[in-house]
């Protein structure tokens, strides 16, 4: 049952990766293409960071896409009624904002670092929210996705905003 909720979060990433819409051109970062090997590895988060953010280090999924994705690296962890997903990608911020599955972008600052917060999907009230950061090792996104079995009325943006300060220090500049 909880996999269904997680699957919805992966759908947001898969949609961004181009499974539901075409993405023209080559992924770029700062004008120069990155390879998957050059991306930040989100799965290297320490247990102490995860615990401080409310995630359970023992409830880790290091294969969130089920099949390899050339443009993405990522892991997620169960965090109460939500999954916290931490991804890096070669896609540009522009590609994030062009994705019709992601919407309501707004500028935010987390730990002194500029980022963009966004909602995922078309549910009302929203069940998924993310924050994306620019980085020398790709765009780094942290998402909170409500577990399908959850009866929580907590706003997923509140969850991701509470967790983000614990992750921001490990995100490359």
Protein backbone atom coordinates (compact mmCIF):
# COMPACT_ATOMS: atom_id res chain seq x y z
CA UNK A 1 0.00 0.00 0.00
CA UNK A 2 2.74 2.48 0.86
CA UNK A 3 4.40 1.71 -2.47
CA UNK A 4 1.44 3.32 -4.24
CA UNK A 5 2.13 6.64 -2.53
CA UNK A 6 5.78 6.37 -3.31
CA UNK A 7 5.01 5.46 -6.91
CA UNK A 8 3.19 8.76 -7.30
CA UNK A 9 6.36 10.62 -6.29
CA UNK A 10 8.44 8.63 -8.73
CA UNK A 11 5.91 9.49 -11.42
CA UNK A 12 6.76 13.15 -10.91
CA UNK A 13 10.42 12.43 -11.52
CA UNK A 14 9.66 10.08 -14.41
CA UNK A 15 7.45 12.74 -15.95
CA UNK A 16 10.29 15.22 -15.65
CA UNK A 17 12.65 12.66 -17.12
CA UNK A 18 10.54 12.62 -20.23
CA UNK A 19 8.44 9.47 -19.97
CA UNK A 20 5.21 11.40 -20.29
CA UNK A 21 6.43 14.24 -22.46
CA UNK A 22 9.23 14.80 -24.93
CA UNK A 23 12.33 16.66 -23.83
CA UNK A 24 14.32 18.12 -26.69
CA UNK A 25 18.04 18.59 -26.67
CA UNK A 26 20.69 17.43 -24.27
CA UNK A 27 20.50 17.99 -20.51
CA UNK A 28 22.83 20.81 -19.48
CA UNK A 29 24.21 22.42 -16.37
CA UNK A 30 25.85 25.83 -16.58
CA UNK A 31 26.04 25.45 -20.36
CA UNK A 32 28.12 22.25 -20.23
CA UNK A 33 26.50 18.81 -20.37
CA UNK A 34 26.85 16.69 -17.24
CA UNK A 35 27.00 12.93 -17.21
CA UNK A 36 25.25 10.80 -14.63
CA UNK A 37 28.66 10.06 -13.08
CA UNK A 38 29.17 13.79 -12.45
CA UNK A 39 25.89 14.17 -10.55
CA UNK A 40 25.77 14.50 -6.78
CA UNK A 41 24.90 11.17 -5.14
CA UNK A 42 21.81 11.77 -2.96
CA UNK A 43 22.09 8.28 -1.48
CA UNK A 44 25.16 9.32 0.54
CA UNK A 45 23.09 11.25 3.10
CA UNK A 46 24.25 10.43 6.63
CA UNK A 47 21.93 8.76 9.11
CA UNK A 48 22.20 11.81 11.38
CA UNK A 49 20.89 14.14 8.62
CA UNK A 50 18.05 11.74 7.84
CA UNK A 51 17.07 11.37 11.48
CA UNK A 52 17.17 15.14 12.04
CA UNK A 53 14.87 15.53 9.02
CA UNK A 54 12.45 12.94 10.41
CA UNK A 55 13.32 10.14 7.99
CA UNK A 56 14.09 6.55 8.95
CA UNK A 57 17.56 5.55 7.62
CA UNK A 58 16.52 1.89 7.77
CA UNK A 59 13.59 2.56 5.38
CA UNK A 60 15.76 3.48 2.39
CA UNK A 61 14.98 2.77 -1.25
CA UNK A 62 18.09 3.21 -3.38
CA UNK A 63 16.31 2.15 -6.58
CA UNK A 64 13.40 4.59 -6.76
CA UNK A 65 13.11 4.48 -10.54
CA UNK A 66 12.94 0.66 -10.89
CA UNK A 67 14.87 0.99 -14.16
CA UNK A 68 18.09 2.95 -14.75
CA UNK A 69 17.67 6.60 -15.72
CA UNK A 70 20.60 8.23 -17.49
CA UNK A 71 19.66 11.70 -16.20
CA UNK A 72 18.90 10.91 -12.55
CA UNK A 73 20.31 9.60 -9.27
CA UNK A 74 18.18 9.27 -6.18
CA UNK A 75 17.03 7.64 -2.98
CA UNK A 76 14.06 7.98 -0.71
CA UNK A 77 13.20 7.22 2.89
CA UNK A 78 10.01 6.76 4.85
CA UNK A 79 9.37 9.76 7.11
CA UNK A 80 6.21 9.15 9.11
CA UNK A 81 3.23 9.59 6.77
CA UNK A 82 5.46 10.79 3.92
CA UNK A 83 8.36 9.67 1.78
CA UNK A 84 11.32 12.03 1.55
CA UNK A 85 12.90 11.69 -1.88
CA UNK A 86 16.30 13.20 -2.65
CA UNK A 87 17.34 13.34 -6.33
CA UNK A 88 19.97 14.86 -8.56
CA UNK A 89 19.49 15.37 -12.27
CA UNK A 90 21.19 16.69 -15.36
CA UNK A 91 18.02 18.56 -16.33
CA UNK A 92 18.08 22.32 -16.13
CA UNK A 93 15.90 24.52 -13.94
CA UNK A 94 14.15 25.58 -17.13
CA UNK A 95 13.17 21.95 -17.82
CA UNK A 96 11.73 21.71 -14.31
CA UNK A 97 9.61 24.79 -14.91
CA UNK A 98 8.48 23.61 -18.36
CA UNK A 99 7.19 20.32 -16.98
CA UNK A 100 3.39 20.53 -16.82
CA UNK A 101 3.22 17.97 -13.97
CA UNK A 102 5.11 20.48 -11.76
CA UNK A 103 3.46 23.80 -10.98
CA UNK A 104 3.11 26.78 -8.64
CA UNK A 105 6.84 27.46 -8.56
CA UNK A 106 7.92 30.07 -6.05
CA UNK A 107 11.29 31.35 -4.94
CA UNK A 108 12.37 30.25 -1.48
CA UNK A 109 15.52 30.49 0.60
CA UNK A 110 16.69 27.51 2.65
CA UNK A 111 19.65 27.99 4.97
CA UNK A 112 20.68 31.08 3.00
CA UNK A 113 20.48 29.16 -0.28
CA UNK A 114 18.15 30.17 -3.14
CA UNK A 115 15.82 27.48 -4.43
CA UNK A 116 12.41 26.99 -6.01
CA UNK A 117 9.52 25.26 -4.29
CA UNK A 118 6.89 23.54 -6.46
CA UNK A 119 3.81 21.35 -6.25
CA UNK A 120 3.57 18.00 -8.02
CA UNK A 121 0.49 16.64 -9.74
CA UNK A 122 -3.08 17.83 -9.78
CA UNK A 123 -4.52 16.63 -6.48
CA UNK A 124 -6.27 19.12 -4.26
CA UNK A 125 -5.17 19.46 -1.60
CA UNK A 126 -1.66 18.70 -2.81
CA UNK A 127 -0.03 15.46 -1.65
CA UNK A 128 3.43 16.14 -3.09
CA UNK A 129 5.77 19.11 -2.86
CA UNK A 130 9.41 19.66 -3.77
CA UNK A 131 12.26 22.12 -3.50
CA UNK A 132 14.91 22.26 -6.23
CA UNK A 133 18.38 23.77 -5.87
CA UNK A 134 20.96 24.72 -8.49
CA UNK A 135 24.28 22.96 -7.97
CA UNK A 136 27.60 22.40 -9.71
CA UNK A 137 26.66 18.70 -9.69
CA UNK A 138 23.20 19.04 -11.25
CA UNK A 139 19.86 20.23 -9.97
CA UNK A 140 19.18 18.73 -6.54
CA UNK A 141 15.59 18.23 -5.46
CA UNK A 142 14.06 17.19 -2.18
CA UNK A 143 10.43 16.04 -2.31
CA UNK A 144 7.81 15.09 0.26
CA UNK A 145 5.24 12.62 -1.05
CA UNK A 146 2.30 11.59 1.09
CA UNK A 147 2.07 7.81 1.57
CA UNK A 148 -1.11 6.44 0.01
CA UNK A 149 -2.17 4.81 3.27
CA UNK A 150 -1.78 8.08 5.20
CA UNK A 151 -4.77 9.93 6.61
CA UNK A 152 -2.55 12.90 7.47
CA UNK A 153 -3.81 16.37 6.61
CA UNK A 154 -0.30 17.81 6.88
CA UNK A 155 0.71 19.99 3.94
CA UNK A 156 3.55 18.26 2.04
CA UNK A 157 5.21 21.65 1.55
CA UNK A 158 5.42 22.00 5.34
CA UNK A 159 7.09 18.58 5.48
CA UNK A 160 9.66 19.37 2.76
CA UNK A 161 10.32 22.84 4.19
CA UNK A 162 10.95 21.35 7.66
CA UNK A 163 13.30 18.72 6.22
CA UNK A 164 15.21 20.91 3.74
CA UNK A 165 17.41 22.80 6.24
CA UNK A 166 18.92 19.47 7.32
CA UNK A 167 19.83 18.58 3.71
CA UNK A 168 20.98 21.98 2.43
CA UNK A 169 24.45 21.79 4.01
CA UNK A 170 25.33 18.63 2.06
CA UNK A 171 24.15 19.94 -1.31
CA UNK A 172 27.13 21.01 -3.42
CA UNK A 173 27.36 24.70 -4.32
